[in-house]
Amino acid sequence: MENTDVATFLKSGDPVDESKRVTYFYQGSGNKLYCNLEISQVKKNDSGVYTCVAYRAGIIVTRKFVLKTGKLV
């Protein structure tokens, strides 16, 4: 697995399954690994803490972000 790039997304610690509304992909470039999560037709229950877990060249990196849904002001 040393030369393999792997990335996944978690929501509140549980794996995020891809669907018609939810897609993600990752792309490596040099020493960097970019993770992208796209949620269309966002629903209230999409709110939460999301984590991208990426593995590249023997290193695991995580990044968290919070999605809050509600009315636009």
PDB file of N, CA and C in Angstrom:
ATOM      1  N   MET A   1       0.825  -1.201   0.000  1.00  0.00           N
ATOM      2  CA  MET A   1       0.000   0.000   0.000  1.00  0.00           C
ATOM      3  C   MET A   1       0.868   1.263   0.000  1.00  0.00           C
ATOM      4  N   GLU A   2       2.153   1.127   0.150  1.00  0.00           N
ATOM      5  CA  GLU A   2       3.066   2.264   0.232  1.00  0.00           C
ATOM      6  C   GLU A   2       2.907   3.242  -0.926  1.00  0.00           C
ATOM      7  N   ASN A   3       2.713   2.775  -2.142  1.00  0.00           N
ATOM      8  CA  ASN A   3       2.617   3.651  -3.304  1.00  0.00           C
ATOM      9  C   ASN A   3       1.179   3.895  -3.747  1.00  0.00           C
ATOM     10  N   THR A   4       0.235   3.585  -2.898  1.00  0.00           N
ATOM     11  CA  THR A   4      -1.172   3.721  -3.240  1.00  0.00           C
ATOM     12  C   THR A   4      -1.755   4.971  -2.592  1.00  0.00           C
ATOM     13  N   ASP A   5      -2.526   5.739  -3.356  1.00  0.00           N
ATOM     14  CA  ASP A   5      -3.266   6.877  -2.814  1.00  0.00           C
ATOM     15  C   ASP A   5      -4.674   6.404  -2.473  1.00  0.00           C
ATOM     16  N   VAL A   6      -5.122   6.706  -1.277  1.00  0.00           N
ATOM     17  CA  VAL A   6      -6.464   6.323  -0.855  1.00  0.00           C
ATOM     18  C   VAL A   6      -7.067   7.501  -0.100  1.00  0.00           C
ATOM     19  N   ALA A   7      -8.320   7.764  -0.347  1.00  0.00           N
ATOM     20  CA  ALA A   7      -9.011   8.812   0.400  1.00  0.00           C
ATOM     21  C   ALA A   7     -10.470   8.414   0.571  1.00  0.00           C
ATOM     22  N   THR A   8     -11.029   8.800   1.684  1.00  0.00           N
ATOM     23  CA  THR A   8     -12.444   8.551   1.940  1.00  0.00           C
ATOM     24  C   THR A   8     -12.971   9.676   2.826  1.00  0.00           C
ATOM     25  N   PHE A   9     -14.286   9.756   2.921  1.00  0.00           N
ATOM     26  CA  PHE A   9     -14.917  10.748   3.781  1.00  0.00           C
ATOM     27  C   PHE A   9     -15.726  10.053   4.863  1.00  0.00           C
ATOM     28  N   LEU A  10     -15.711  10.663   6.038  1.00  0.00           N
ATOM     29  CA  LEU A  10     -16.505  10.193   7.165  1.00  0.00           C
ATOM     30  C   LEU A  10     -17.427  11.330   7.592  1.00  0.00           C
ATOM     31  N   LYS A  11     -18.602  10.961   8.081  1.00  0.00           N
ATOM     32  CA  LYS A  11     -19.512  11.943   8.679  1.00  0.00           C
ATOM     33  C   LYS A  11     -19.767  11.465  10.100  1.00  0.00           C
ATOM     34  N   SER A  12     -19.351  12.253  11.066  1.00  0.00           N
ATOM     35  CA  SER A  12     -19.465  11.891  12.477  1.00  0.00           C
ATOM     36  C   SER A  12     -18.861  10.512  12.731  1.00  0.00           C
ATOM     37  N   GLY A  13     -17.760  10.208  12.047  1.00  0.00           N
ATOM     38  CA  GLY A  13     -17.050   8.950  12.256  1.00  0.00           C
ATOM     39  C   GLY A  13     -17.505   7.781  11.413  1.00  0.00           C
ATOM     40  N   ASP A  14     -18.609   7.919  10.693  1.00  0.00           N
ATOM     41  CA  ASP A  14     -19.128   6.834   9.854  1.00  0.00           C
ATOM     42  C   ASP A  14     -18.815   7.109   8.381  1.00  0.00           C
ATOM     43  N   PRO A  15     -18.504   6.057   7.606  1.00  0.00           N
ATOM     44  CA  PRO A  15     -18.205   6.261   6.186  1.00  0.00           C
ATOM     45  C   PRO A  15     -19.358   6.930   5.439  1.00  0.00           C
ATOM     46  N   VAL A  16     -19.009   7.823   4.525  1.00  0.00           N
ATOM     47  CA  VAL A  16     -19.996   8.488   3.674  1.00  0.00           C
ATOM     48  C   VAL A  16     -20.134   7.649   2.409  1.00  0.00           C
ATOM     49  N   ASP A  17     -21.338   7.169   2.145  1.00  0.00           N
ATOM     50  CA  ASP A  17     -21.598   6.384   0.939  1.00  0.00           C
ATOM     51  C   ASP A  17     -21.915   7.314  -0.223  1.00  0.00           C
ATOM     52  N   GLU A  18     -21.325   7.013  -1.367  1.00  0.00           N
ATOM     53  CA  GLU A  18     -21.648   7.798  -2.552  1.00  0.00           C
ATOM     54  C   GLU A  18     -23.038   7.421  -3.046  1.00  0.00           C
ATOM     55  N   SER A  19     -23.712   8.395  -3.645  1.00  0.00           N
ATOM     56  CA  SER A  19     -25.074   8.194  -4.159  1.00  0.00           C
ATOM     57  C   SER A  19     -25.291   9.191  -5.295  1.00  0.00           C
ATOM     58  N   LYS A  20     -26.532   9.318  -5.734  1.00  0.00           N
ATOM     59  CA  LYS A  20     -26.838  10.328  -6.761  1.00  0.00           C
ATOM     60  C   LYS A  20     -26.617  11.729  -6.222  1.00  0.00           C
ATOM     61  N   ARG A  21     -26.799  11.926  -4.912  1.00  0.00           N
ATOM     62  CA  ARG A  21     -26.637  13.243  -4.294  1.00  0.00           C
ATOM     63  C   ARG A  21     -25.237  13.496  -3.754  1.00  0.00           C
ATOM     64  N   VAL A  22     -24.537  12.437  -3.408  1.00  0.00           N
ATOM     65  CA  VAL A  22     -23.249  12.579  -2.727  1.00  0.00           C
ATOM     66  C   VAL A  22     -22.152  11.902  -3.542  1.00  0.00           C
ATOM     67  N   THR A  23     -21.166  12.690  -3.944  1.00  0.00           N
ATOM     68  CA  THR A  23     -20.026  12.136  -4.666  1.00  0.00           C
ATOM     69  C   THR A  23     -18.745  12.704  -4.076  1.00  0.00           C
ATOM     70  N   TYR A  24     -17.683  11.951  -4.187  1.00  0.00           N
ATOM     71  CA  TYR A  24     -16.391  12.467  -3.781  1.00  0.00           C
ATOM     72  C   TYR A  24     -15.303  11.872  -4.654  1.00  0.00           C
ATOM     73  N   PHE A  25     -14.200  12.583  -4.715  1.00  0.00           N
ATOM     74  CA  PHE A  25     -13.054  12.091  -5.461  1.00  0.00           C
ATOM     75  C   PHE A  25     -11.793  12.673  -4.849  1.00  0.00           C
ATOM     76  N   TYR A  26     -10.693  12.071  -5.178  1.00  0.00           N
ATOM     77  CA  TYR A  26      -9.417  12.590  -4.728  1.00  0.00           C
ATOM     78  C   TYR A  26      -8.440  12.562  -5.892  1.00  0.00           C
ATOM     79  N   GLN A  27      -7.430  13.395  -5.783  1.00  0.00           N
ATOM     80  CA  GLN A  27      -6.465  13.528  -6.865  1.00  0.00           C
ATOM     81  C   GLN A  27      -5.108  13.857  -6.252  1.00  0.00           C
ATOM     82  N   GLY A  28      -4.091  13.130  -6.657  1.00  0.00           N
ATOM     83  CA  GLY A  28      -2.756  13.381  -6.154  1.00  0.00           C
ATOM     84  C   GLY A  28      -1.963  14.243  -7.112  1.00  0.00           C
ATOM     85  N   SER A  29      -1.108  15.093  -6.543  1.00  0.00           N
ATOM     86  CA  SER A  29      -0.238  15.942  -7.345  1.00  0.00           C
ATOM     87  C   SER A  29       1.015  16.213  -6.521  1.00  0.00           C
ATOM     88  N   GLY A  30       2.148  15.662  -6.960  1.00  0.00           N
ATOM     89  CA  GLY A  30       3.382  15.840  -6.188  1.00  0.00           C
ATOM     90  C   GLY A  30       3.230  15.230  -4.813  1.00  0.00           C
ATOM     91  N   ASN A  31       3.490  16.017  -3.785  1.00  0.00           N
ATOM     92  CA  ASN A  31       3.368  15.544  -2.408  1.00  0.00           C
ATOM     93  C   ASN A  31       1.970  15.769  -1.840  1.00  0.00           C
ATOM     94  N   LYS A  32       1.055  16.251  -2.656  1.00  0.00           N
ATOM     95  CA  LYS A  32      -0.262  16.636  -2.153  1.00  0.00           C
ATOM     96  C   LYS A  32      -1.340  15.679  -2.639  1.00  0.00           C
ATOM     97  N   LEU A  33      -2.375  15.551  -1.822  1.00  0.00           N
ATOM     98  CA  LEU A  33      -3.543  14.762  -2.170  1.00  0.00           C
ATOM     99  C   LEU A  33      -4.762  15.625  -1.887  1.00  0.00           C
ATOM    100  N   TYR A  34      -5.548  15.900  -2.914  1.00  0.00           N
ATOM    101  CA  TYR A  34      -6.722  16.764  -2.796  1.00  0.00           C
ATOM    102  C   TYR A  34      -7.976  15.922  -2.707  1.00  0.00           C
ATOM    103  N   CYS A  35      -8.821  16.215  -1.724  1.00  0.00           N
ATOM    104  CA  CYS A  35     -10.091  15.508  -1.544  1.00  0.00           C
ATOM    105  C   CYS A  35     -11.233  16.478  -1.808  1.00  0.00           C
ATOM    106  N   ASN A  36     -12.235  16.019  -2.518  1.00  0.00           N
ATOM    107  CA  ASN A  36     -13.403  16.852  -2.821  1.00  0.00           C
ATOM    108  C   ASN A  36     -14.671  16.080  -2.519  1.00  0.00           C
ATOM    109  N   LEU A  37     -15.581  16.707  -1.790  1.00  0.00           N
ATOM    110  CA  LEU A  37     -16.879  16.130  -1.463  1.00  0.00           C
ATOM    111  C   LEU A  37     -17.942  17.057  -2.030  1.00  0.00           C
ATOM    112  N   GLU A  38     -18.890  16.502  -2.778  1.00  0.00           N
ATOM    113  CA  GLU A  38     -19.967  17.303  -3.342  1.00  0.00           C
ATOM    114  C   GLU A  38     -21.295  16.701  -2.922  1.00  0.00           C
ATOM    115  N   ILE A  39     -22.130  17.541  -2.322  1.00  0.00           N
ATOM    116  CA  ILE A  39     -23.473  17.128  -1.905  1.00  0.00           C
ATOM    117  C   ILE A  39     -24.466  18.023  -2.637  1.00  0.00           C
ATOM    118  N   SER A  40     -25.301  17.427  -3.467  1.00  0.00           N
ATOM    119  CA  SER A  40     -26.324  18.210  -4.160  1.00  0.00           C
ATOM    120  C   SER A  40     -27.645  18.069  -3.419  1.00  0.00           C
ATOM    121  N   GLN A  41     -28.534  18.987  -3.667  1.00  0.00           N
ATOM    122  CA  GLN A  41     -29.849  18.974  -3.013  1.00  0.00           C
ATOM    123  C   GLN A  41     -29.680  18.757  -1.506  1.00  0.00           C
ATOM    124  N   VAL A  42     -28.901  19.633  -0.879  1.00  0.00           N
ATOM    125  CA  VAL A  42     -28.558  19.506   0.533  1.00  0.00           C
ATOM    126  C   VAL A  42     -29.820  19.463   1.395  1.00  0.00           C
ATOM    127  N   LYS A  43     -29.813  18.538   2.340  1.00  0.00           N
ATOM    128  CA  LYS A  43     -30.932  18.363   3.264  1.00  0.00           C
ATOM    129  C   LYS A  43     -30.474  18.678   4.684  1.00  0.00           C
ATOM    130  N   LYS A  44     -31.446  18.903   5.560  1.00  0.00           N
ATOM    131  CA  LYS A  44     -31.137  19.254   6.935  1.00  0.00           C
ATOM    132  C   LYS A  44     -30.257  18.204   7.599  1.00  0.00           C
ATOM    133  N   ASN A  45     -30.515  16.921   7.332  1.00  0.00           N
ATOM    134  CA  ASN A  45     -29.738  15.874   7.992  1.00  0.00           C
ATOM    135  C   ASN A  45     -28.341  15.696   7.392  1.00  0.00           C
ATOM    136  N   ASP A  46     -27.984  16.507   6.376  1.00  0.00           N
ATOM    137  CA  ASP A  46     -26.620  16.505   5.860  1.00  0.00           C
ATOM    138  C   ASP A  46     -25.686  17.287   6.783  1.00  0.00           C
ATOM    139  N   SER A  47     -26.256  18.072   7.706  1.00  0.00           N
ATOM    140  CA  SER A  47     -25.440  18.816   8.662  1.00  0.00           C
ATOM    141  C   SER A  47     -24.585  17.849   9.468  1.00  0.00           C
ATOM    142  N   GLY A  48     -23.387  18.273   9.798  1.00  0.00           N
ATOM    143  CA  GLY A  48     -22.537  17.439  10.640  1.00  0.00           C
ATOM    144  C   GLY A  48     -21.067  17.736  10.427  1.00  0.00           C
ATOM    145  N   VAL A  49     -20.247  16.958  11.107  1.00  0.00           N
ATOM    146  CA  VAL A  49     -18.801  17.077  11.001  1.00  0.00           C
ATOM    147  C   VAL A  49     -18.321  16.030  10.007  1.00  0.00           C
ATOM    148  N   TYR A  50     -17.691  16.497   8.940  1.00  0.00           N
ATOM    149  CA  TYR A  50     -17.155  15.621   7.904  1.00  0.00           C
ATOM    150  C   TYR A  50     -15.632  15.596   8.025  1.00  0.00           C
ATOM    151  N   THR A  51     -15.055  14.431   7.754  1.00  0.00           N
ATOM    152  CA  THR A  51     -13.610  14.271   7.810  1.00  0.00           C
ATOM    153  C   THR A  51     -13.134  13.594   6.532  1.00  0.00           C
ATOM    154  N   CYS A  52     -12.140  14.180   5.909  1.00  0.00           N
ATOM    155  CA  CYS A  52     -11.468  13.525   4.791  1.00  0.00           C
ATOM    156  C   CYS A  52     -10.259  12.808   5.381  1.00  0.00           C
ATOM    157  N   VAL A  53     -10.154  11.516   5.108  1.00  0.00           N
ATOM    158  CA  VAL A  53      -9.008  10.727   5.545  1.00  0.00           C
ATOM    159  C   VAL A  53      -8.254  10.313   4.289  1.00  0.00           C
ATOM    160  N   ALA A  54      -7.024  10.785   4.161  1.00  0.00           N
ATOM    161  CA  ALA A  54      -6.232  10.521   2.962  1.00  0.00           C
ATOM    162  C   ALA A  54      -4.930   9.822   3.340  1.00  0.00           C
ATOM    163  N   TYR A  55      -4.533   8.871   2.494  1.00  0.00           N
ATOM    164  CA  TYR A  55      -3.298   8.127   2.696  1.00  0.00           C
ATOM    165  C   TYR A  55      -2.452   8.262   1.439  1.00  0.00           C
ATOM    166  N   ARG A  56      -1.207   8.650   1.626  1.00  0.00           N
ATOM    167  CA  ARG A  56      -0.301   8.770   0.477  1.00  0.00           C
ATOM    168  C   ARG A  56       1.132   8.596   0.965  1.00  0.00           C
ATOM    169  N   ALA A  57       1.850   7.723   0.304  1.00  0.00           N
ATOM    170  CA  ALA A  57       3.273   7.509   0.591  1.00  0.00           C
ATOM    171  C   ALA A  57       3.540   7.233   2.065  1.00  0.00           C
ATOM    172  N   GLY A  58       2.703   6.403   2.674  1.00  0.00           N
ATOM    173  CA  GLY A  58       2.903   6.017   4.064  1.00  0.00           C
ATOM    174  C   GLY A  58       2.459   7.029   5.093  1.00  0.00           C
ATOM    175  N   ILE A  59       1.820   8.096   4.665  1.00  0.00           N
ATOM    176  CA  ILE A  59       1.378   9.147   5.585  1.00  0.00           C
ATOM    177  C   ILE A  59      -0.141   9.255   5.539  1.00  0.00           C
ATOM    178  N   ILE A  60      -0.767   9.328   6.699  1.00  0.00           N
ATOM    179  CA  ILE A  60      -2.216   9.521   6.795  1.00  0.00           C
ATOM    180  C   ILE A  60      -2.474  10.958   7.234  1.00  0.00           C
ATOM    181  N   VAL A  61      -3.329  11.642   6.495  1.00  0.00           N
ATOM    182  CA  VAL A  61      -3.685  13.027   6.814  1.00  0.00           C
ATOM    183  C   VAL A  61      -5.203  13.110   6.935  1.00  0.00           C
ATOM    184  N   THR A  62      -5.673  13.831   7.925  1.00  0.00           N
ATOM    185  CA  THR A  62      -7.118  14.038   8.071  1.00  0.00           C
ATOM    186  C   THR A  62      -7.405  15.531   8.112  1.00  0.00           C
ATOM    187  N   ARG A  63      -8.547  15.907   7.557  1.00  0.00           N
ATOM    188  CA  ARG A  63      -9.030  17.286   7.602  1.00  0.00           C
ATOM    189  C   ARG A  63     -10.517  17.239   7.931  1.00  0.00           C
ATOM    190  N   LYS A  64     -10.925  18.047   8.902  1.00  0.00           N
ATOM    191  CA  LYS A  64     -12.329  18.092   9.300  1.00  0.00           C
ATOM    192  C   LYS A  64     -12.956  19.410   8.875  1.00  0.00           C
ATOM    193  N   PHE A  65     -14.250  19.336   8.584  1.00  0.00           N
ATOM    194  CA  PHE A  65     -15.002  20.555   8.330  1.00  0.00           C
ATOM    195  C   PHE A  65     -16.431  20.331   8.785  1.00  0.00           C
ATOM    196  N   VAL A  66     -17.116  21.426   9.037  1.00  0.00           N
ATOM    197  CA  VAL A  66     -18.488  21.364   9.543  1.00  0.00           C
ATOM    198  C   VAL A  66     -19.438  21.897   8.480  1.00  0.00           C
ATOM    199  N   LEU A  67     -20.489  21.151   8.220  1.00  0.00           N
ATOM    200  CA  LEU A  67     -21.538  21.594   7.309  1.00  0.00           C
ATOM    201  C   LEU A  67     -22.769  21.910   8.138  1.00  0.00           C
ATOM    202  N   LYS A  68     -23.229  23.150   8.036  1.00  0.00           N
ATOM    203  CA  LYS A  68     -24.447  23.572   8.723  1.00  0.00           C
ATOM    204  C   LYS A  68     -25.478  23.912   7.678  1.00  0.00           C
ATOM    205  N   THR A  69     -26.654  23.359   7.807  1.00  0.00           N
ATOM    206  CA  THR A  69     -27.717  23.671   6.864  1.00  0.00           C
ATOM    207  C   THR A  69     -28.716  24.606   7.541  1.00  0.00           C
ATOM    208  N   GLY A  70     -29.459  25.296   6.733  1.00  0.00           N
ATOM    209  CA  GLY A  70     -30.453  26.226   7.247  1.00  0.00           C
ATOM    210  C   GLY A  70     -30.768  27.261   6.197  1.00  0.00           C
ATOM    211  N   LYS A  71     -31.478  28.271   6.584  1.00  0.00           N
ATOM    212  CA  LYS A  71     -31.844  29.333   5.651  1.00  0.00           C
ATOM    213  C   LYS A  71     -30.654  30.206   5.338  1.00  0.00           C
ATOM    214  N   LEU A  72     -30.566  30.625   4.078  1.00  0.00           N
ATOM    215  CA  LEU A  72     -29.566  31.609   3.714  1.00  0.00           C
ATOM    216  C   LEU A  72     -30.055  32.978   4.168  1.00  0.00           C
ATOM    217  N   VAL A  73     -29.159  33.758   4.694  1.00  0.00           N
ATOM    218  CA  VAL A  73     -29.541  35.063   5.207  1.00  0.00           C
ATOM    219  C   VAL A  73     -29.091  36.142   4.255  1.00  0.00           C
TER     220      VAL A  73
END
